[in-house]
Structure formats: structure tokens, C-alpha cells
Amino acid sequence: MESRKGAKKVVLFAKKLWRETRPKTVEVRRVKDKKSIAFGFPPVVIKARAPIKFVVCVEFSEVLRIYHFSSTGQLLSAKNFEPPFEIRNEIEKKSSLILSLPKKRPSHP
């Protein structure tokens, strides 16, 4: 339940950021837990929890800013990256998408 409240706080932060700064894109992502040990039959899997649970990626024309949040929705840190944004591919592999702005609308024929 706490994680759900944290996700809502992060989404509200992203929407506010979208309204106030008007970047190219804003993405809210949930960081997946890492599989640390798997053993036995049937396999018992132990997962390590990351201290960073949510990531907000804000892309401007000249910089990519990434905000890190805890599971409760508390802002932990932020970092800027210069182009090319190669870290974006790594983030996409290790997380799942919650919200993407601008929302892509289907075109009707």
C-alpha cells in the first residue's frame, strides 16, 4: 500500500514538472528488483531491493535530467546527462513504464 502512495506522489511530481517547465518528454518508471540468488528445486529466488524505487526522466533539448525517488515517494537525488543519452537504454531495460508525457494518441483514419 505504501508503494502505491509513493507512486502517486511521483506521478503528481511529474505532471507538475510537465506543466511548469514544458520539456520534450517526461517518463515515470518503476525500478525492478534485482535477482540476487536462485537455488534449489523448485527454484527459490531471493531478490535484492533497490533503495531507488522510482525514476523520473525529463528530456530537454540539450540535457536529460533524472530524478531518483524512494518507495515512499521522497526525492533522493537528481542528475543531469549530456547528449547522447545512452543511459536511457539502460534505464528502459531495468524498469517498467508507469507514465509517459506527452501521451501518444492513436490516429484515426
N, C-alpha and C. Protein backbone atom coordinates (compact mmCIF):
# COMPACT_ATOMS: atom_id res chain seq x y z
N MET A 1 0.81 -1.19 0.00
CA MET A 1 0.00 0.00 0.00
C MET A 1 0.86 1.26 0.00
N GLU A 2 1.94 1.21 0.78
CA GLU A 2 2.84 2.36 0.85
C GLU A 2 3.46 2.66 -0.51
N SER A 3 3.79 1.62 -1.27
CA SER A 3 4.38 1.81 -2.59
C SER A 3 3.40 2.51 -3.53
N ARG A 4 2.13 2.22 -3.35
CA ARG A 4 1.12 2.83 -4.21
C ARG A 4 1.00 4.33 -3.94
N LYS A 5 1.06 4.70 -2.66
CA LYS A 5 1.04 6.12 -2.31
C LYS A 5 2.28 6.82 -2.84
N GLY A 6 3.42 6.13 -2.76
CA GLY A 6 4.66 6.69 -3.29
C GLY A 6 4.58 6.91 -4.78
N ALA A 7 3.99 5.95 -5.49
CA ALA A 7 3.83 6.09 -6.94
C ALA A 7 2.95 7.28 -7.29
N LYS A 8 1.89 7.49 -6.51
CA LYS A 8 1.00 8.62 -6.77
C LYS A 8 1.73 9.95 -6.57
N LYS A 9 2.56 10.02 -5.53
CA LYS A 9 3.34 11.24 -5.29
C LYS A 9 4.29 11.52 -6.44
N VAL A 10 4.93 10.48 -6.95
CA VAL A 10 5.89 10.65 -8.04
C VAL A 10 5.17 11.08 -9.32
N VAL A 11 4.01 10.50 -9.60
CA VAL A 11 3.24 10.88 -10.78
C VAL A 11 2.78 12.34 -10.68
N LEU A 12 2.33 12.76 -9.51
CA LEU A 12 1.94 14.16 -9.33
C LEU A 12 3.13 15.09 -9.53
N PHE A 13 4.31 14.70 -9.05
CA PHE A 13 5.52 15.48 -9.26
C PHE A 13 5.82 15.60 -10.75
N ALA A 14 5.69 14.50 -11.49
CA ALA A 14 5.99 14.51 -12.93
C ALA A 14 5.00 15.39 -13.69
N LYS A 15 3.73 15.33 -13.32
CA LYS A 15 2.72 16.16 -14.00
C LYS A 15 2.96 17.65 -13.73
N LYS A 16 3.33 17.97 -12.49
CA LYS A 16 3.63 19.36 -12.14
C LYS A 16 4.85 19.85 -12.92
N LEU A 17 5.86 19.00 -13.01
CA LEU A 17 7.07 19.33 -13.77
C LEU A 17 6.73 19.56 -15.24
N TRP A 18 5.84 18.74 -15.79
CA TRP A 18 5.42 18.86 -17.19
C TRP A 18 4.73 20.20 -17.43
N ARG A 19 3.84 20.60 -16.52
CA ARG A 19 3.11 21.86 -16.68
C ARG A 19 4.02 23.07 -16.56
N GLU A 20 4.96 23.01 -15.61
CA GLU A 20 5.75 24.20 -15.31
C GLU A 20 6.95 24.41 -16.25
N THR A 21 7.61 23.34 -16.67
CA THR A 21 8.84 23.51 -17.45
C THR A 21 8.69 23.19 -18.93
N ARG A 22 7.66 22.46 -19.32
CA ARG A 22 7.40 22.09 -20.72
C ARG A 22 8.60 21.45 -21.42
N PRO A 23 9.09 20.32 -20.91
CA PRO A 23 10.18 19.62 -21.59
C PRO A 23 9.65 18.85 -22.79
N LYS A 24 10.56 18.20 -23.55
CA LYS A 24 10.13 17.37 -24.68
C LYS A 24 9.32 16.18 -24.20
N THR A 25 9.87 15.42 -23.25
CA THR A 25 9.18 14.24 -22.71
C THR A 25 9.43 14.13 -21.21
N VAL A 26 8.49 13.48 -20.54
CA VAL A 26 8.62 13.13 -19.13
C VAL A 26 8.16 11.68 -19.00
N GLU A 27 8.99 10.85 -18.36
CA GLU A 27 8.64 9.45 -18.13
C GLU A 27 8.81 9.11 -16.66
N VAL A 28 7.81 8.43 -16.11
CA VAL A 28 7.90 7.91 -14.74
C VAL A 28 8.08 6.41 -14.87
N ARG A 29 9.10 5.87 -14.20
CA ARG A 29 9.41 4.44 -14.30
C ARG A 29 9.61 3.84 -12.92
N ARG A 30 9.19 2.57 -12.76
CA ARG A 30 9.41 1.82 -11.53
C ARG A 30 10.61 0.91 -11.75
N VAL A 31 11.60 1.01 -10.86
CA VAL A 31 12.82 0.22 -10.97
C VAL A 31 12.52 -1.21 -10.50
N LYS A 32 12.94 -2.18 -11.32
CA LYS A 32 12.72 -3.59 -10.99
C LYS A 32 13.71 -4.04 -9.93
N ASP A 33 13.29 -4.98 -9.08
CA ASP A 33 14.19 -5.57 -8.09
C ASP A 33 15.16 -6.50 -8.80
N LYS A 34 16.39 -6.59 -8.28
CA LYS A 34 17.40 -7.45 -8.87
C LYS A 34 17.29 -8.86 -8.30
N LYS A 35 17.52 -9.84 -9.14
CA LYS A 35 17.58 -11.23 -8.70
C LYS A 35 19.00 -11.48 -8.21
N SER A 36 19.14 -11.74 -6.92
CA SER A 36 20.49 -11.91 -6.39
C SER A 36 20.89 -13.38 -6.27
N ILE A 37 19.97 -14.26 -5.80
CA ILE A 37 20.31 -15.67 -5.65
C ILE A 37 19.11 -16.53 -6.06
N ALA A 38 19.37 -17.60 -6.80
CA ALA A 38 18.35 -18.60 -7.13
C ALA A 38 18.96 -19.97 -6.89
N PHE A 39 18.28 -20.82 -6.09
CA PHE A 39 18.83 -22.15 -5.80
C PHE A 39 17.70 -23.12 -5.51
N GLY A 40 18.01 -24.42 -5.60
CA GLY A 40 17.06 -25.46 -5.22
C GLY A 40 16.13 -25.86 -6.34
N PHE A 41 15.31 -26.89 -6.02
CA PHE A 41 14.28 -27.33 -6.96
C PHE A 41 13.00 -27.53 -6.19
N PRO A 42 11.93 -26.87 -6.45
CA PRO A 42 11.76 -25.75 -7.38
C PRO A 42 12.59 -24.56 -6.92
N PRO A 43 13.00 -23.74 -7.88
CA PRO A 43 13.95 -22.67 -7.55
C PRO A 43 13.39 -21.67 -6.55
N VAL A 44 14.18 -21.37 -5.55
CA VAL A 44 13.88 -20.33 -4.58
C VAL A 44 14.68 -19.11 -5.01
N VAL A 45 14.00 -18.01 -5.23
CA VAL A 45 14.66 -16.80 -5.73
C VAL A 45 14.64 -15.74 -4.63
N ILE A 46 15.81 -15.20 -4.35
CA ILE A 46 15.93 -14.11 -3.39
C ILE A 46 16.24 -12.85 -4.21
N LYS A 47 15.41 -11.83 -3.99
CA LYS A 47 15.59 -10.59 -4.72
C LYS A 47 16.09 -9.49 -3.80
N ALA A 48 16.99 -8.68 -4.32
CA ALA A 48 17.52 -7.54 -3.57
C ALA A 48 16.73 -6.30 -3.94
N ARG A 49 16.27 -5.59 -2.94
CA ARG A 49 15.51 -4.37 -3.19
C ARG A 49 16.45 -3.19 -3.36
N ALA A 50 16.15 -2.40 -4.34
CA ALA A 50 16.96 -1.21 -4.60
C ALA A 50 16.47 -0.06 -3.73
N PRO A 51 17.36 0.78 -3.21
CA PRO A 51 16.90 1.94 -2.43
C PRO A 51 16.15 2.94 -3.31
N ILE A 52 16.46 2.96 -4.60
CA ILE A 52 15.74 3.82 -5.53
C ILE A 52 14.63 2.98 -6.16
N LYS A 53 13.38 3.38 -5.95
CA LYS A 53 12.25 2.60 -6.44
C LYS A 53 11.62 3.22 -7.69
N PHE A 54 11.64 4.56 -7.79
CA PHE A 54 11.03 5.25 -8.92
C PHE A 54 12.05 6.20 -9.54
N VAL A 55 11.96 6.34 -10.87
CA VAL A 55 12.84 7.24 -11.62
C VAL A 55 11.96 8.10 -12.53
N VAL A 56 12.24 9.40 -12.55
CA VAL A 56 11.55 10.32 -13.46
C VAL A 56 12.60 10.85 -14.43
N CYS A 57 12.42 10.57 -15.72
CA CYS A 57 13.34 11.03 -16.77
C CYS A 57 12.71 12.21 -17.49
N VAL A 58 13.36 13.35 -17.44
CA VAL A 58 12.86 14.57 -18.08
C VAL A 58 13.85 14.96 -19.16
N GLU A 59 13.38 14.96 -20.41
CA GLU A 59 14.27 15.27 -21.53
C GLU A 59 14.00 16.67 -22.06
N PHE A 60 15.03 17.49 -22.00
CA PHE A 60 15.01 18.79 -22.64
C PHE A 60 15.83 18.68 -23.92
N SER A 61 15.93 19.74 -24.70
CA SER A 61 16.65 19.64 -25.97
C SER A 61 18.14 19.39 -25.78
N GLU A 62 18.73 19.94 -24.70
CA GLU A 62 20.18 19.82 -24.54
C GLU A 62 20.61 18.99 -23.34
N VAL A 63 19.67 18.52 -22.52
CA VAL A 63 20.05 17.78 -21.31
C VAL A 63 18.94 16.79 -20.93
N LEU A 64 19.35 15.68 -20.33
CA LEU A 64 18.43 14.69 -19.77
C LEU A 64 18.60 14.74 -18.26
N ARG A 65 17.53 15.06 -17.55
CA ARG A 65 17.58 15.15 -16.08
C ARG A 65 16.83 13.96 -15.51
N ILE A 66 17.49 13.25 -14.58
CA ILE A 66 16.89 12.06 -13.98
C ILE A 66 16.75 12.29 -12.49
N TYR A 67 15.51 12.16 -12.00
CA TYR A 67 15.20 12.29 -10.58
C TYR A 67 15.04 10.89 -10.00
N HIS A 68 15.59 10.66 -8.80
CA HIS A 68 15.50 9.38 -8.12
C HIS A 68 14.60 9.52 -6.89
N PHE A 69 13.65 8.59 -6.72
CA PHE A 69 12.71 8.62 -5.61
C PHE A 69 12.76 7.31 -4.84
N SER A 70 12.44 7.37 -3.55
CA SER A 70 12.34 6.17 -2.72
C SER A 70 10.96 5.54 -2.92
N SER A 71 10.71 4.42 -2.24
CA SER A 71 9.42 3.73 -2.38
C SER A 71 8.28 4.53 -1.77
N THR A 72 8.59 5.49 -0.88
CA THR A 72 7.56 6.32 -0.27
C THR A 72 7.29 7.59 -1.05
N GLY A 73 8.02 7.81 -2.14
CA GLY A 73 7.82 9.00 -2.96
C GLY A 73 8.68 10.17 -2.56
N GLN A 74 9.69 9.94 -1.72
CA GLN A 74 10.59 11.00 -1.29
C GLN A 74 11.70 11.19 -2.32
N LEU A 75 11.96 12.44 -2.70
CA LEU A 75 13.01 12.74 -3.66
C LEU A 75 14.37 12.50 -3.01
N LEU A 76 15.18 11.65 -3.64
CA LEU A 76 16.50 11.32 -3.10
C LEU A 76 17.61 12.13 -3.76
N SER A 77 17.59 12.21 -5.10
CA SER A 77 18.62 12.95 -5.80
C SER A 77 18.19 13.22 -7.23
N ALA A 78 18.99 14.00 -7.93
CA ALA A 78 18.76 14.28 -9.34
C ALA A 78 20.11 14.45 -10.02
N LYS A 79 20.16 14.10 -11.30
CA LYS A 79 21.42 14.17 -12.03
C LYS A 79 21.15 14.55 -13.48
N ASN A 80 22.04 15.35 -14.06
CA ASN A 80 21.95 15.76 -15.46
C ASN A 80 22.89 14.94 -16.31
N PHE A 81 22.45 14.62 -17.54
CA PHE A 81 23.27 13.91 -18.52
C PHE A 81 23.27 14.68 -19.82
N GLU A 82 24.43 14.72 -20.45
CA GLU A 82 24.59 15.40 -21.74
C GLU A 82 24.32 14.43 -22.88
N PRO A 83 23.96 14.92 -24.08
CA PRO A 83 23.75 14.02 -25.21
C PRO A 83 25.04 13.35 -25.63
N PRO A 84 25.05 12.18 -26.18
CA PRO A 84 23.90 11.30 -26.45
C PRO A 84 23.43 10.64 -25.16
N PHE A 85 22.15 10.41 -25.07
CA PHE A 85 21.53 9.89 -23.85
C PHE A 85 21.56 8.37 -23.85
N GLU A 86 22.75 7.79 -23.70
CA GLU A 86 22.90 6.33 -23.73
C GLU A 86 22.36 5.67 -22.47
N ILE A 87 22.29 6.42 -21.38
CA ILE A 87 21.79 5.85 -20.12
C ILE A 87 20.31 5.52 -20.21
N ARG A 88 19.61 6.16 -21.13
CA ARG A 88 18.17 5.92 -21.29
C ARG A 88 17.89 4.46 -21.65
N ASN A 89 18.71 3.83 -22.49
CA ASN A 89 18.53 2.43 -22.85
C ASN A 89 18.69 1.52 -21.64
N GLU A 90 19.66 1.82 -20.80
CA GLU A 90 19.88 1.02 -19.59
C GLU A 90 18.71 1.16 -18.62
N ILE A 91 18.19 2.36 -18.50
CA ILE A 91 17.04 2.59 -17.61
C ILE A 91 15.82 1.84 -18.13
N GLU A 92 15.59 1.83 -19.45
CA GLU A 92 14.45 1.12 -20.02
C GLU A 92 14.52 -0.38 -19.76
N LYS A 93 15.73 -0.96 -19.76
CA LYS A 93 15.89 -2.39 -19.51
C LYS A 93 15.60 -2.75 -18.06
N LYS A 94 15.96 -1.88 -17.14
CA LYS A 94 15.89 -2.20 -15.72
C LYS A 94 14.66 -1.61 -15.02
N SER A 95 13.67 -1.14 -15.79
CA SER A 95 12.50 -0.54 -15.17
C SER A 95 11.27 -0.77 -16.04
N SER A 96 10.11 -0.48 -15.46
CA SER A 96 8.85 -0.58 -16.21
C SER A 96 8.19 0.80 -16.22
N LEU A 97 7.54 1.11 -17.33
CA LEU A 97 6.94 2.43 -17.55
C LEU A 97 5.63 2.56 -16.79
N ILE A 98 5.46 3.67 -16.06
CA ILE A 98 4.21 3.98 -15.37
C ILE A 98 3.45 5.06 -16.11
N LEU A 99 4.16 6.15 -16.48
CA LEU A 99 3.53 7.29 -17.13
C LEU A 99 4.48 7.89 -18.15
N SER A 100 3.95 8.29 -19.28
CA SER A 100 4.74 8.96 -20.30
C SER A 100 3.99 10.20 -20.78
N LEU A 101 4.64 11.34 -20.77
CA LEU A 101 4.05 12.58 -21.27
C LEU A 101 4.95 13.11 -22.37
N PRO A 102 4.51 13.60 -23.48
CA PRO A 102 3.12 13.73 -23.87
C PRO A 102 2.52 12.38 -24.20
N LYS A 103 1.24 12.26 -23.93
CA LYS A 103 0.57 11.00 -24.21
C LYS A 103 0.38 10.88 -25.71
N LYS A 104 0.74 9.73 -26.23
CA LYS A 104 0.60 9.49 -27.66
C LYS A 104 -0.84 9.05 -27.93
N ARG A 105 -1.51 9.79 -28.75
CA ARG A 105 -2.90 9.49 -29.08
C ARG A 105 -2.97 8.72 -30.39
N PRO A 106 -3.80 7.70 -30.45
CA PRO A 106 -3.92 6.96 -31.71
C PRO A 106 -4.57 7.82 -32.79
N SER A 107 -4.05 7.71 -33.99
CA SER A 107 -4.63 8.48 -35.10
C SER A 107 -5.76 7.67 -35.73
N HIS A 108 -6.80 8.38 -36.08
CA HIS A 108 -7.97 7.73 -36.71
C HIS A 108 -7.97 8.03 -38.20
N PRO A 109 -8.22 7.01 -39.01
CA PRO A 109 -8.21 7.25 -40.47
C PRO A 109 -9.39 8.05 -40.94
